Every structure is written in C-alpha cells, then in structure tokens.
Amino acid sequence: MAPKTSTTHDVMRDASEFVLSLVSDTPFDSDPTAAGDAISATISEAHVEGAKGAELAWLLGATVRGRITRVEHRKTTFLFAVAFETLDVKGVVSPFYAKLIHNPPFCAASRA
C-alpha cells in the first residue's frame, strides 16, 4: 500500500522568496516603549518574490509576534528595532525570522 501524501502545500518554496507586508497590532509610543517589550503584527499582504500572481493567501491575517530589541532617541525622531520570533497561522505556531527589505517613509497622517 502506498503512503498517503498531502495535496495541500506539498511543495514549500524557500521562505526567503516570501514577501510580506505587516501591520502593527501594537501601538508605538516613545515614552513607555522599551527594549524587551512584546510586539505583534498582522500579515496584510503576502506573495512570492518574482512570481506574478503567486499569492500566499493562507498567510493573510496570520499574526507574527516578537520583541522590541532597541529604542533610540535621535534628535527629533525615535528608532525602534524589532525581532519577530513566531508566526501563528490559524493556531499553528512556527518559528519566524524576517529581514526588512523596504522601510516606507513615516506618514504623519497615519498617526490617528
């Protein structure tokens, strides 16, 4: 008898090809925020780099969690560094590591 195989996600691409957009679930406030504080974000967009139409719908709405690793005051701005550690997709938690490839400019209108 042949072993059972899954037809869903049989071929997993190299995760370094995944491009994710994250929306912070945790507000950033320079006064009470400190290195070591917990942070979480929701995946709002997910696709495979260079593969047109290769959406990763199963990741949409998933949560990544980690810690703030650095808070630094630079004259009139603050620098926050974060390290995400876990990915929670519908209750299944896995290790998660990411590298920032695009840092959008700060938009004052988004401070509402």
PDB file of N, CA and C in Angstrom:
ATOM      1  N   MET A   1       0.853  -1.169   0.000  1.00  0.00           N
ATOM      2  CA  MET A   1       0.000   0.000   0.000  1.00  0.00           C
ATOM      3  C   MET A   1       0.903   1.237   0.000  1.00  0.00           C
ATOM      4  N   ALA A   2       0.605   2.184  -0.866  1.00  0.00           N
ATOM      5  CA  ALA A   2       1.398   3.413  -0.984  1.00  0.00           C
ATOM      6  C   ALA A   2       1.108   4.335   0.195  1.00  0.00           C
ATOM      7  N   PRO A   3       2.141   5.069   0.675  1.00  0.00           N
ATOM      8  CA  PRO A   3       1.918   6.008   1.784  1.00  0.00           C
ATOM      9  C   PRO A   3       1.021   7.153   1.341  1.00  0.00           C
ATOM     10  N   LYS A   4       0.236   7.657   2.270  1.00  0.00           N
ATOM     11  CA  LYS A   4      -0.631   8.800   1.991  1.00  0.00           C
ATOM     12  C   LYS A   4       0.215  10.055   1.830  1.00  0.00           C
ATOM     13  N   THR A   5      -0.168  10.890   0.895  1.00  0.00           N
ATOM     14  CA  THR A   5       0.516  12.164   0.696  1.00  0.00           C
ATOM     15  C   THR A   5      -0.505  13.281   0.700  1.00  0.00           C
ATOM     16  N   SER A   6      -0.058  14.440   1.104  1.00  0.00           N
ATOM     17  CA  SER A   6      -0.928  15.612   1.139  1.00  0.00           C
ATOM     18  C   SER A   6      -0.866  16.335  -0.198  1.00  0.00           C
ATOM     19  N   THR A   7      -1.988  16.843  -0.648  1.00  0.00           N
ATOM     20  CA  THR A   7      -2.006  17.620  -1.884  1.00  0.00           C
ATOM     21  C   THR A   7      -1.938  19.110  -1.600  1.00  0.00           C
ATOM     22  N   THR A   8      -2.076  19.503  -0.345  1.00  0.00           N
ATOM     23  CA  THR A   8      -2.023  20.911   0.027  1.00  0.00           C
ATOM     24  C   THR A   8      -0.622  21.262   0.502  1.00  0.00           C
ATOM     25  N   HIS A   9      -0.034  22.252  -0.126  1.00  0.00           N
ATOM     26  CA  HIS A   9       1.292  22.740   0.234  1.00  0.00           C
ATOM     27  C   HIS A   9       2.351  21.639   0.161  1.00  0.00           C
ATOM     28  N   ASP A  10       2.225  20.731  -0.826  1.00  0.00           N
ATOM     29  CA  ASP A  10       3.221  19.672  -0.985  1.00  0.00           C
ATOM     30  C   ASP A  10       4.613  20.238  -1.236  1.00  0.00           C
ATOM     31  N   VAL A  11       4.685  21.267  -2.072  1.00  0.00           N
ATOM     32  CA  VAL A  11       5.973  21.863  -2.411  1.00  0.00           C
ATOM     33  C   VAL A  11       6.062  23.199  -1.700  1.00  0.00           C
ATOM     34  N   MET A  12       6.944  23.289  -0.727  1.00  0.00           N
ATOM     35  CA  MET A  12       7.130  24.524   0.022  1.00  0.00           C
ATOM     36  C   MET A  12       8.298  25.279  -0.578  1.00  0.00           C
ATOM     37  N   ARG A  13       8.056  26.492  -1.002  1.00  0.00           N
ATOM     38  CA  ARG A  13       9.112  27.311  -1.578  1.00  0.00           C
ATOM     39  C   ARG A  13      10.071  27.758  -0.480  1.00  0.00           C
ATOM     40  N   ASP A  14      11.259  28.155  -0.885  1.00  0.00           N
ATOM     41  CA  ASP A  14      12.226  28.722   0.035  1.00  0.00           C
ATOM     42  C   ASP A  14      11.598  29.968   0.659  1.00  0.00           C
ATOM     43  N   ALA A  15      11.517  30.014   1.963  1.00  0.00           N
ATOM     44  CA  ALA A  15      10.864  31.138   2.637  1.00  0.00           C
ATOM     45  C   ALA A  15      11.547  32.471   2.355  1.00  0.00           C
ATOM     46  N   SER A  16      12.797  32.454   1.899  1.00  0.00           N
ATOM     47  CA  SER A  16      13.474  33.715   1.585  1.00  0.00           C
ATOM     48  C   SER A  16      12.845  34.389   0.375  1.00  0.00           C
ATOM     49  N   GLU A  17      11.988  33.672  -0.356  1.00  0.00           N
ATOM     50  CA  GLU A  17      11.296  34.244  -1.507  1.00  0.00           C
ATOM     51  C   GLU A  17       9.971  34.890  -1.116  1.00  0.00           C
ATOM     52  N   PHE A  18       9.533  34.719   0.111  1.00  0.00           N
ATOM     53  CA  PHE A  18       8.261  35.286   0.560  1.00  0.00           C
ATOM     54  C   PHE A  18       8.433  36.772   0.845  1.00  0.00           C
ATOM     55  N   VAL A  19       7.495  37.572   0.370  1.00  0.00           N
ATOM     56  CA  VAL A  19       7.481  39.000   0.676  1.00  0.00           C
ATOM     57  C   VAL A  19       6.181  39.273   1.420  1.00  0.00           C
ATOM     58  N   LEU A  20       6.302  39.788   2.634  1.00  0.00           N
ATOM     59  CA  LEU A  20       5.145  40.030   3.488  1.00  0.00           C
ATOM     60  C   LEU A  20       5.038  41.503   3.849  1.00  0.00           C
ATOM     61  N   SER A  21       3.808  41.995   3.910  1.00  0.00           N
ATOM     62  CA  SER A  21       3.551  43.324   4.463  1.00  0.00           C
ATOM     63  C   SER A  21       2.881  43.117   5.808  1.00  0.00           C
ATOM     64  N   LEU A  22       3.398  43.813   6.814  1.00  0.00           N
ATOM     65  CA  LEU A  22       2.890  43.669   8.176  1.00  0.00           C
ATOM     66  C   LEU A  22       2.255  44.961   8.649  1.00  0.00           C
ATOM     67  N   VAL A  23       1.169  44.835   9.395  1.00  0.00           N
ATOM     68  CA  VAL A  23       0.520  45.973  10.039  1.00  0.00           C
ATOM     69  C   VAL A  23       0.625  45.750  11.541  1.00  0.00           C
ATOM     70  N   SER A  24       1.249  46.696  12.222  1.00  0.00           N
ATOM     71  CA  SER A  24       1.473  46.545  13.657  1.00  0.00           C
ATOM     72  C   SER A  24       0.160  46.498  14.427  1.00  0.00           C
ATOM     73  N   ASP A  25       0.064  45.532  15.335  1.00  0.00           N
ATOM     74  CA  ASP A  25      -1.084  45.441  16.248  1.00  0.00           C
ATOM     75  C   ASP A  25      -0.777  46.175  17.545  1.00  0.00           C
ATOM     76  N   THR A  26       0.467  46.568  17.718  1.00  0.00           N
ATOM     77  CA  THR A  26       0.950  47.176  18.947  1.00  0.00           C
ATOM     78  C   THR A  26       1.281  48.638  18.694  1.00  0.00           C
ATOM     79  N   PRO A  27       0.662  49.546  19.437  1.00  0.00           N
ATOM     80  CA  PRO A  27       0.993  50.964  19.228  1.00  0.00           C
ATOM     81  C   PRO A  27       2.410  51.274  19.712  1.00  0.00           C
ATOM     82  N   PHE A  28       3.079  52.156  18.991  1.00  0.00           N
ATOM     83  CA  PHE A  28       4.420  52.597  19.384  1.00  0.00           C
ATOM     84  C   PHE A  28       4.301  53.965  20.033  1.00  0.00           C
ATOM     85  N   ASP A  29       4.794  54.080  21.233  1.00  0.00           N
ATOM     86  CA  ASP A  29       4.830  55.349  21.939  1.00  0.00           C
ATOM     87  C   ASP A  29       6.217  55.437  22.561  1.00  0.00           C
ATOM     88  N   SER A  30       6.936  56.483  22.234  1.00  0.00           N
ATOM     89  CA  SER A  30       8.334  56.591  22.658  1.00  0.00           C
ATOM     90  C   SER A  30       8.519  56.652  24.169  1.00  0.00           C
ATOM     91  N   ASP A  31       7.529  57.127  24.910  1.00  0.00           N
ATOM     92  CA  ASP A  31       7.710  57.235  26.360  1.00  0.00           C
ATOM     93  C   ASP A  31       7.700  55.889  27.080  1.00  0.00           C
ATOM     94  N   PRO A  32       6.631  55.093  26.967  1.00  0.00           N
ATOM     95  CA  PRO A  32       6.622  53.837  27.736  1.00  0.00           C
ATOM     96  C   PRO A  32       7.276  52.652  27.029  1.00  0.00           C
ATOM     97  N   THR A  33       7.607  52.772  25.743  1.00  0.00           N
ATOM     98  CA  THR A  33       8.164  51.644  24.994  1.00  0.00           C
ATOM     99  C   THR A  33       9.631  51.434  25.351  1.00  0.00           C
ATOM    100  N   ALA A  34       9.984  50.160  25.586  1.00  0.00           N
ATOM    101  CA  ALA A  34      11.372  49.831  25.951  1.00  0.00           C
ATOM    102  C   ALA A  34      11.787  48.536  25.275  1.00  0.00           C
ATOM    103  N   ALA A  35      13.094  48.364  25.135  1.00  0.00           N
ATOM    104  CA  ALA A  35      13.623  47.111  24.604  1.00  0.00           C
ATOM    105  C   ALA A  35      13.123  45.967  25.474  1.00  0.00           C
ATOM    106  N   GLY A  36      12.694  44.895  24.845  1.00  0.00           N
ATOM    107  CA  GLY A  36      12.158  43.749  25.567  1.00  0.00           C
ATOM    108  C   GLY A  36      10.649  43.685  25.549  1.00  0.00           C
ATOM    109  N   ASP A  37       9.984  44.810  25.233  1.00  0.00           N
ATOM    110  CA  ASP A  37       8.519  44.822  25.178  1.00  0.00           C
ATOM    111  C   ASP A  37       8.025  43.909  24.059  1.00  0.00           C
ATOM    112  N   ALA A  38       6.911  43.235  24.302  1.00  0.00           N
ATOM    113  CA  ALA A  38       6.302  42.367  23.293  1.00  0.00           C
ATOM    114  C   ALA A  38       5.683  43.208  22.185  1.00  0.00           C
ATOM    115  N   ILE A  39       5.682  42.651  20.966  1.00  0.00           N
ATOM    116  CA  ILE A  39       5.088  43.319  19.816  1.00  0.00           C
ATOM    117  C   ILE A  39       4.424  42.256  18.947  1.00  0.00           C
ATOM    118  N   SER A  40       3.359  42.643  18.259  1.00  0.00           N
ATOM    119  CA  SER A  40       2.732  41.726  17.314  1.00  0.00           C
ATOM    120  C   SER A  40       2.277  42.513  16.095  1.00  0.00           C
ATOM    121  N   ALA A  41       2.133  41.801  14.979  1.00  0.00           N
ATOM    122  CA  ALA A  41       1.693  42.411  13.728  1.00  0.00           C
ATOM    123  C   ALA A  41       0.894  41.377  12.946  1.00  0.00           C
ATOM    124  N   THR A  42       0.020  41.871  12.085  1.00  0.00           N
ATOM    125  CA  THR A  42      -0.808  41.022  11.238  1.00  0.00           C
ATOM    126  C   THR A  42      -0.303  41.096   9.801  1.00  0.00           C
ATOM    127  N   ILE A  43      -0.256  39.962   9.130  1.00  0.00           N
ATOM    128  CA  ILE A  43       0.164  39.930   7.727  1.00  0.00           C
ATOM    129  C   ILE A  43      -0.995  40.428   6.866  1.00  0.00           C
ATOM    130  N   SER A  44      -0.760  41.539   6.157  1.00  0.00           N
ATOM    131  CA  SER A  44      -1.809  42.142   5.326  1.00  0.00           C
ATOM    132  C   SER A  44      -1.633  41.823   3.842  1.00  0.00           C
ATOM    133  N   GLU A  45      -0.409  41.501   3.430  1.00  0.00           N
ATOM    134  CA  GLU A  45      -0.124  41.105   2.053  1.00  0.00           C
ATOM    135  C   GLU A  45       0.958  40.041   2.088  1.00  0.00           C
ATOM    136  N   ALA A  46       0.863  39.086   1.155  1.00  0.00           N
ATOM    137  CA  ALA A  46       1.873  38.025   1.088  1.00  0.00           C
ATOM    138  C   ALA A  46       1.953  37.506  -0.342  1.00  0.00           C
ATOM    139  N   HIS A  47       3.176  37.464  -0.865  1.00  0.00           N
ATOM    140  CA  HIS A  47       3.380  36.902  -2.205  1.00  0.00           C
ATOM    141  C   HIS A  47       4.797  36.342  -2.321  1.00  0.00           C
ATOM    142  N   VAL A  48       5.046  35.657  -3.411  1.00  0.00           N
ATOM    143  CA  VAL A  48       6.370  35.097  -3.670  1.00  0.00           C
ATOM    144  C   VAL A  48       7.107  36.062  -4.579  1.00  0.00           C
ATOM    145  N   GLU A  49       8.307  36.465  -4.180  1.00  0.00           N
ATOM    146  CA  GLU A  49       9.118  37.412  -4.945  1.00  0.00           C
ATOM    147  C   GLU A  49       9.355  36.896  -6.361  1.00  0.00           C
ATOM    148  N   GLY A  50       9.053  37.749  -7.345  1.00  0.00           N
ATOM    149  CA  GLY A  50       9.329  37.426  -8.740  1.00  0.00           C
ATOM    150  C   GLY A  50       8.340  36.475  -9.392  1.00  0.00           C
ATOM    151  N   ALA A  51       7.315  36.055  -8.707  1.00  0.00           N
ATOM    152  CA  ALA A  51       6.329  35.138  -9.278  1.00  0.00           C
ATOM    153  C   ALA A  51       4.988  35.850  -9.371  1.00  0.00           C
ATOM    154  N   LYS A  52       4.717  36.402 -10.540  1.00  0.00           N
ATOM    155  CA  LYS A  52       3.480  37.166 -10.740  1.00  0.00           C
ATOM    156  C   LYS A  52       2.259  36.289 -10.443  1.00  0.00           C
ATOM    157  N   GLY A  53       1.396  36.821  -9.615  1.00  0.00           N
ATOM    158  CA  GLY A  53       0.179  36.107  -9.262  1.00  0.00           C
ATOM    159  C   GLY A  53       0.359  35.014  -8.222  1.00  0.00           C
ATOM    160  N   ALA A  54       1.548  34.867  -7.679  1.00  0.00           N
ATOM    161  CA  ALA A  54       1.796  33.826  -6.673  1.00  0.00           C
ATOM    162  C   ALA A  54       1.466  34.370  -5.289  1.00  0.00           C
ATOM    163  N   GLU A  55       0.191  34.459  -5.014  1.00  0.00           N
ATOM    164  CA  GLU A  55      -0.251  34.950  -3.708  1.00  0.00           C
ATOM    165  C   GLU A  55      -0.170  33.835  -2.669  1.00  0.00           C
ATOM    166  N   LEU A  56       0.063  34.218  -1.466  1.00  0.00           N
ATOM    167  CA  LEU A  56       0.125  33.272  -0.349  1.00  0.00           C
ATOM    168  C   LEU A  56      -1.067  33.538   0.567  1.00  0.00           C
ATOM    169  N   ALA A  57      -2.261  33.307   0.033  1.00  0.00           N
ATOM    170  CA  ALA A  57      -3.493  33.650   0.741  1.00  0.00           C
ATOM    171  C   ALA A  57      -3.581  32.999   2.114  1.00  0.00           C
ATOM    172  N   TRP A  58      -2.994  31.828   2.269  1.00  0.00           N
ATOM    173  CA  TRP A  58      -3.070  31.129   3.549  1.00  0.00           C
ATOM    174  C   TRP A  58      -2.348  31.882   4.660  1.00  0.00           C
ATOM    175  N   LEU A  59      -1.477  32.855   4.314  1.00  0.00           N
ATOM    176  CA  LEU A  59      -0.783  33.654   5.326  1.00  0.00           C
ATOM    177  C   LEU A  59      -1.533  34.928   5.708  1.00  0.00           C
ATOM    178  N   LEU A  60      -2.486  35.364   4.878  1.00  0.00           N
ATOM    179  CA  LEU A  60      -3.198  36.619   5.156  1.00  0.00           C
ATOM    180  C   LEU A  60      -3.948  36.533   6.479  1.00  0.00           C
ATOM    181  N   GLY A  61      -3.765  37.532   7.308  1.00  0.00           N
ATOM    182  CA  GLY A  61      -4.419  37.570   8.617  1.00  0.00           C
ATOM    183  C   GLY A  61      -3.650  36.842   9.709  1.00  0.00           C
ATOM    184  N   ALA A  62      -2.582  36.154   9.346  1.00  0.00           N
ATOM    185  CA  ALA A  62      -1.760  35.466  10.358  1.00  0.00           C
ATOM    186  C   ALA A  62      -1.054  36.508  11.225  1.00  0.00           C
ATOM    187  N   THR A  63      -0.651  36.110  12.406  1.00  0.00           N
ATOM    188  CA  THR A  63      -0.010  37.014  13.357  1.00  0.00           C
ATOM    189  C   THR A  63       1.448  36.627  13.563  1.00  0.00           C
ATOM    190  N   VAL A  64       2.321  37.625  13.543  1.00  0.00           N
ATOM    191  CA  VAL A  64       3.717  37.413  13.918  1.00  0.00           C
ATOM    192  C   VAL A  64       3.940  38.106  15.259  1.00  0.00           C
ATOM    193  N   ARG A  65       4.726  37.475  16.111  1.00  0.00           N
ATOM    194  CA  ARG A  65       4.997  38.029  17.444  1.00  0.00           C
ATOM    195  C   ARG A  65       6.495  38.057  17.701  1.00  0.00           C
ATOM    196  N   GLY A  66       6.902  39.039  18.487  1.00  0.00           N
ATOM    197  CA  GLY A  66       8.305  39.147  18.835  1.00  0.00           C
ATOM    198  C   GLY A  66       8.526  40.178  19.920  1.00  0.00           C
ATOM    199  N   ARG A  67       9.695  40.783  19.892  1.00  0.00           N
ATOM    200  CA  ARG A  67      10.088  41.760  20.918  1.00  0.00           C
ATOM    201  C   ARG A  67      10.726  42.979  20.278  1.00  0.00           C
ATOM    202  N   ILE A  68      10.579  44.111  20.945  1.00  0.00           N
ATOM    203  CA  ILE A  68      11.324  45.311  20.559  1.00  0.00           C
ATOM    204  C   ILE A  68      12.746  45.096  21.069  1.00  0.00           C
ATOM    205  N   THR A  69      13.722  45.246  20.178  1.00  0.00           N
ATOM    206  CA  THR A  69      15.103  44.980  20.564  1.00  0.00           C
ATOM    207  C   THR A  69      15.907  46.244  20.808  1.00  0.00           C
ATOM    208  N   ARG A  70      15.379  47.376  20.355  1.00  0.00           N
ATOM    209  CA  ARG A  70      16.128  48.631  20.514  1.00  0.00           C
ATOM    210  C   ARG A  70      15.185  49.821  20.416  1.00  0.00           C
ATOM    211  N   VAL A  71      15.369  50.771  21.301  1.00  0.00           N
ATOM    212  CA  VAL A  71      14.665  52.052  21.254  1.00  0.00           C
ATOM    213  C   VAL A  71      15.730  53.121  21.399  1.00  0.00           C
ATOM    214  N   GLU A  72      15.823  53.988  20.415  1.00  0.00           N
ATOM    215  CA  GLU A  72      16.867  55.011  20.423  1.00  0.00           C
ATOM    216  C   GLU A  72      16.281  56.371  20.038  1.00  0.00           C
ATOM    217  N   HIS A  73      16.636  57.382  20.817  1.00  0.00           N
ATOM    218  CA  HIS A  73      16.196  58.746  20.519  1.00  0.00           C
ATOM    219  C   HIS A  73      17.254  59.425  19.667  1.00  0.00           C
ATOM    220  N   ARG A  74      16.837  59.910  18.496  1.00  0.00           N
ATOM    221  CA  ARG A  74      17.743  60.611  17.581  1.00  0.00           C
ATOM    222  C   ARG A  74      17.183  61.997  17.298  1.00  0.00           C
ATOM    223  N   LYS A  75      17.655  62.961  18.055  1.00  0.00           N
ATOM    224  CA  LYS A  75      17.230  64.363  17.939  1.00  0.00           C
ATOM    225  C   LYS A  75      15.710  64.477  17.962  1.00  0.00           C
ATOM    226  N   THR A  76      15.052  64.555  16.813  1.00  0.00           N
ATOM    227  CA  THR A  76      13.599  64.759  16.782  1.00  0.00           C
ATOM    228  C   THR A  76      12.829  63.488  16.445  1.00  0.00           C
ATOM    229  N   THR A  77      13.519  62.361  16.316  1.00  0.00           N
ATOM    230  CA  THR A  77      12.840  61.106  15.976  1.00  0.00           C
ATOM    231  C   THR A  77      13.288  59.985  16.913  1.00  0.00           C
ATOM    232  N   PHE A  78      12.557  58.894  16.860  1.00  0.00           N
ATOM    233  CA  PHE A  78      12.897  57.708  17.627  1.00  0.00           C
ATOM    234  C   PHE A  78      13.099  56.543  16.669  1.00  0.00           C
ATOM    235  N   LEU A  79      14.036  55.677  16.982  1.00  0.00           N
ATOM    236  CA  LEU A  79      14.309  54.481  16.204  1.00  0.00           C
ATOM    237  C   LEU A  79      13.866  53.281  17.030  1.00  0.00           C
ATOM    238  N   PHE A  80      13.032  52.438  16.423  1.00  0.00           N
ATOM    239  CA  PHE A  80      12.605  51.200  17.061  1.00  0.00           C
ATOM    240  C   PHE A  80      13.126  50.046  16.208  1.00  0.00           C
ATOM    241  N   ALA A  81      13.772  49.067  16.824  1.00  0.00           N
ATOM    242  CA  ALA A  81      14.176  47.851  16.130  1.00  0.00           C
ATOM    243  C   ALA A  81      13.390  46.697  16.739  1.00  0.00           C
ATOM    244  N   VAL A  82      12.914  45.804  15.885  1.00  0.00           N
ATOM    245  CA  VAL A  82      12.114  44.679  16.361  1.00  0.00           C
ATOM    246  C   VAL A  82      12.679  43.363  15.827  1.00  0.00           C
ATOM    247  N   ALA A  83      12.432  42.305  16.549  1.00  0.00           N
ATOM    248  CA  ALA A  83      12.787  40.954  16.112  1.00  0.00           C
ATOM    249  C   ALA A  83      11.550  40.086  16.282  1.00  0.00           C
ATOM    250  N   PHE A  84      10.996  39.637  15.169  1.00  0.00           N
ATOM    251  CA  PHE A  84       9.848  38.738  15.240  1.00  0.00           C
ATOM    252  C   PHE A  84      10.354  37.315  15.425  1.00  0.00           C
ATOM    253  N   GLU A  85       9.611  36.529  16.216  1.00  0.00           N
ATOM    254  CA  GLU A  85      10.074  35.201  16.605  1.00  0.00           C
ATOM    255  C   GLU A  85       9.115  34.078  16.222  1.00  0.00           C
ATOM    256  N   THR A  86       7.818  34.371  16.197  1.00  0.00           N
ATOM    257  CA  THR A  86       6.850  33.314  15.897  1.00  0.00           C
ATOM    258  C   THR A  86       5.823  33.780  14.871  1.00  0.00           C
ATOM    259  N   LEU A  87       5.294  32.816  14.143  1.00  0.00           N
ATOM    260  CA  LEU A  87       4.233  33.015  13.165  1.00  0.00           C
ATOM    261  C   LEU A  87       3.072  32.127  13.581  1.00  0.00           C
ATOM    262  N   ASP A  88       1.891  32.733  13.753  1.00  0.00           N
ATOM    263  CA  ASP A  88       0.697  31.990  14.155  1.00  0.00           C
ATOM    264  C   ASP A  88      -0.295  32.023  12.995  1.00  0.00           C
ATOM    265  N   VAL A  89      -0.460  30.863  12.336  1.00  0.00           N
ATOM    266  CA  VAL A  89      -1.415  30.735  11.233  1.00  0.00           C
ATOM    267  C   VAL A  89      -2.539  29.831  11.708  1.00  0.00           C
ATOM    268  N   LYS A  90      -3.679  30.435  12.015  1.00  0.00           N
ATOM    269  CA  LYS A  90      -4.870  29.691  12.462  1.00  0.00           C
ATOM    270  C   LYS A  90      -4.568  28.752  13.618  1.00  0.00           C
ATOM    271  N   GLY A  91      -3.792  29.241  14.580  1.00  0.00           N
ATOM    272  CA  GLY A  91      -3.494  28.467  15.778  1.00  0.00           C
ATOM    273  C   GLY A  91      -2.275  27.575  15.683  1.00  0.00           C
ATOM    274  N   VAL A  92      -1.671  27.473  14.514  1.00  0.00           N
ATOM    275  CA  VAL A  92      -0.450  26.684  14.355  1.00  0.00           C
ATOM    276  C   VAL A  92       0.729  27.645  14.446  1.00  0.00           C
ATOM    277  N   VAL A  93       1.543  27.502  15.481  1.00  0.00           N
ATOM    278  CA  VAL A  93       2.641  28.429  15.744  1.00  0.00           C
ATOM    279  C   VAL A  93       3.959  27.816  15.274  1.00  0.00           C
ATOM    280  N   SER A  94       4.727  28.628  14.522  1.00  0.00           N
ATOM    281  CA  SER A  94       6.015  28.191  13.975  1.00  0.00           C
ATOM    282  C   SER A  94       7.060  29.269  14.226  1.00  0.00           C
ATOM    283  N   PRO A  95       8.347  28.889  14.230  1.00  0.00           N
ATOM    284  CA  PRO A  95       9.400  29.911  14.316  1.00  0.00           C
ATOM    285  C   PRO A  95       9.310  30.838  13.105  1.00  0.00           C
ATOM    286  N   PHE A  96       9.657  32.103  13.301  1.00  0.00           N
ATOM    287  CA  PHE A  96       9.559  33.094  12.223  1.00  0.00           C
ATOM    288  C   PHE A  96      10.728  34.055  12.308  1.00  0.00           C
ATOM    289  N   TYR A  97      11.420  34.242  11.200  1.00  0.00           N
ATOM    290  CA  TYR A  97      12.521  35.192  11.119  1.00  0.00           C
ATOM    291  C   TYR A  97      12.316  35.987   9.842  1.00  0.00           C
ATOM    292  N   ALA A  98      12.563  37.286   9.895  1.00  0.00           N
ATOM    293  CA  ALA A  98      12.344  38.133   8.724  1.00  0.00           C
ATOM    294  C   ALA A  98      13.435  39.185   8.614  1.00  0.00           C
ATOM    295  N   LYS A  99      13.608  39.686   7.416  1.00  0.00           N
ATOM    296  CA  LYS A  99      14.570  40.744   7.139  1.00  0.00           C
ATOM    297  C   LYS A  99      13.822  41.897   6.479  1.00  0.00           C
ATOM    298  N   LEU A 100      14.015  43.109   6.979  1.00  0.00           N
ATOM    299  CA  LEU A 100      13.370  44.283   6.412  1.00  0.00           C
ATOM    300  C   LEU A 100      13.988  44.598   5.054  1.00  0.00           C
ATOM    301  N   ILE A 101      13.143  44.639   4.023  1.00  0.00           N
ATOM    302  CA  ILE A 101      13.654  44.962   2.693  1.00  0.00           C
ATOM    303  C   ILE A 101      13.148  46.299   2.185  1.00  0.00           C
ATOM    304  N   HIS A 102      12.122  46.841   2.849  1.00  0.00           N
ATOM    305  CA  HIS A 102      11.600  48.148   2.454  1.00  0.00           C
ATOM    306  C   HIS A 102      11.040  48.839   3.681  1.00  0.00           C
ATOM    307  N   ASN A 103      11.538  50.003   3.966  1.00  0.00           N
ATOM    308  CA  ASN A 103      11.060  50.777   5.110  1.00  0.00           C
ATOM    309  C   ASN A 103      10.324  51.987   4.568  1.00  0.00           C
ATOM    310  N   PRO A 104       8.984  51.923   4.516  1.00  0.00           N
ATOM    311  CA  PRO A 104       8.239  53.056   3.964  1.00  0.00           C
ATOM    312  C   PRO A 104       8.441  54.297   4.814  1.00  0.00           C
ATOM    313  N   PRO A 105       8.410  55.459   4.184  1.00  0.00           N
ATOM    314  CA  PRO A 105       8.597  56.701   4.957  1.00  0.00           C
ATOM    315  C   PRO A 105       7.455  56.895   5.946  1.00  0.00           C
ATOM    316  N   PHE A 106       7.786  57.527   7.049  1.00  0.00           N
ATOM    317  CA  PHE A 106       6.784  57.845   8.074  1.00  0.00           C
ATOM    318  C   PHE A 106       5.744  58.780   7.500  1.00  0.00           C
ATOM    319  N   CYS A 107       4.502  58.491   7.769  1.00  0.00           N
ATOM    320  CA  CYS A 107       3.413  59.341   7.270  1.00  0.00           C
ATOM    321  C   CYS A 107       2.662  59.895   8.471  1.00  0.00           C
ATOM    322  N   ALA A 108       2.723  61.215   8.653  1.00  0.00           N
ATOM    323  CA  ALA A 108       2.068  61.848   9.795  1.00  0.00           C
ATOM    324  C   ALA A 108       0.565  61.586   9.779  1.00  0.00           C
ATOM    325  N   ALA A 109      -0.023  61.427   8.607  1.00  0.00           N
ATOM    326  CA  ALA A 109      -1.465  61.189   8.513  1.00  0.00           C
ATOM    327  C   ALA A 109      -1.843  59.842   9.116  1.00  0.00           C
ATOM    328  N   SER A 110      -0.902  58.920   9.212  1.00  0.00           N
ATOM    329  CA  SER A 110      -1.212  57.593   9.752  1.00  0.00           C
ATOM    330  C   SER A 110      -1.165  57.560  11.290  1.00  0.00           C
ATOM    331  N   ARG A 111      -0.919  58.673  11.913  1.00  0.00           N
ATOM    332  CA  ARG A 111      -0.786  58.712  13.372  1.00  0.00           C
ATOM    333  C   ARG A 111      -2.116  58.787  14.099  1.00  0.00           C
ATOM    334  N   ALA A 112      -3.233  58.696  13.406  1.00  0.00           N
ATOM    335  CA  ALA A 112      -4.555  58.847  14.028  1.00  0.00           C
ATOM    336  C   ALA A 112      -4.821  57.810  15.076  1.00  0.00           C
TER     337      ALA A 112
END
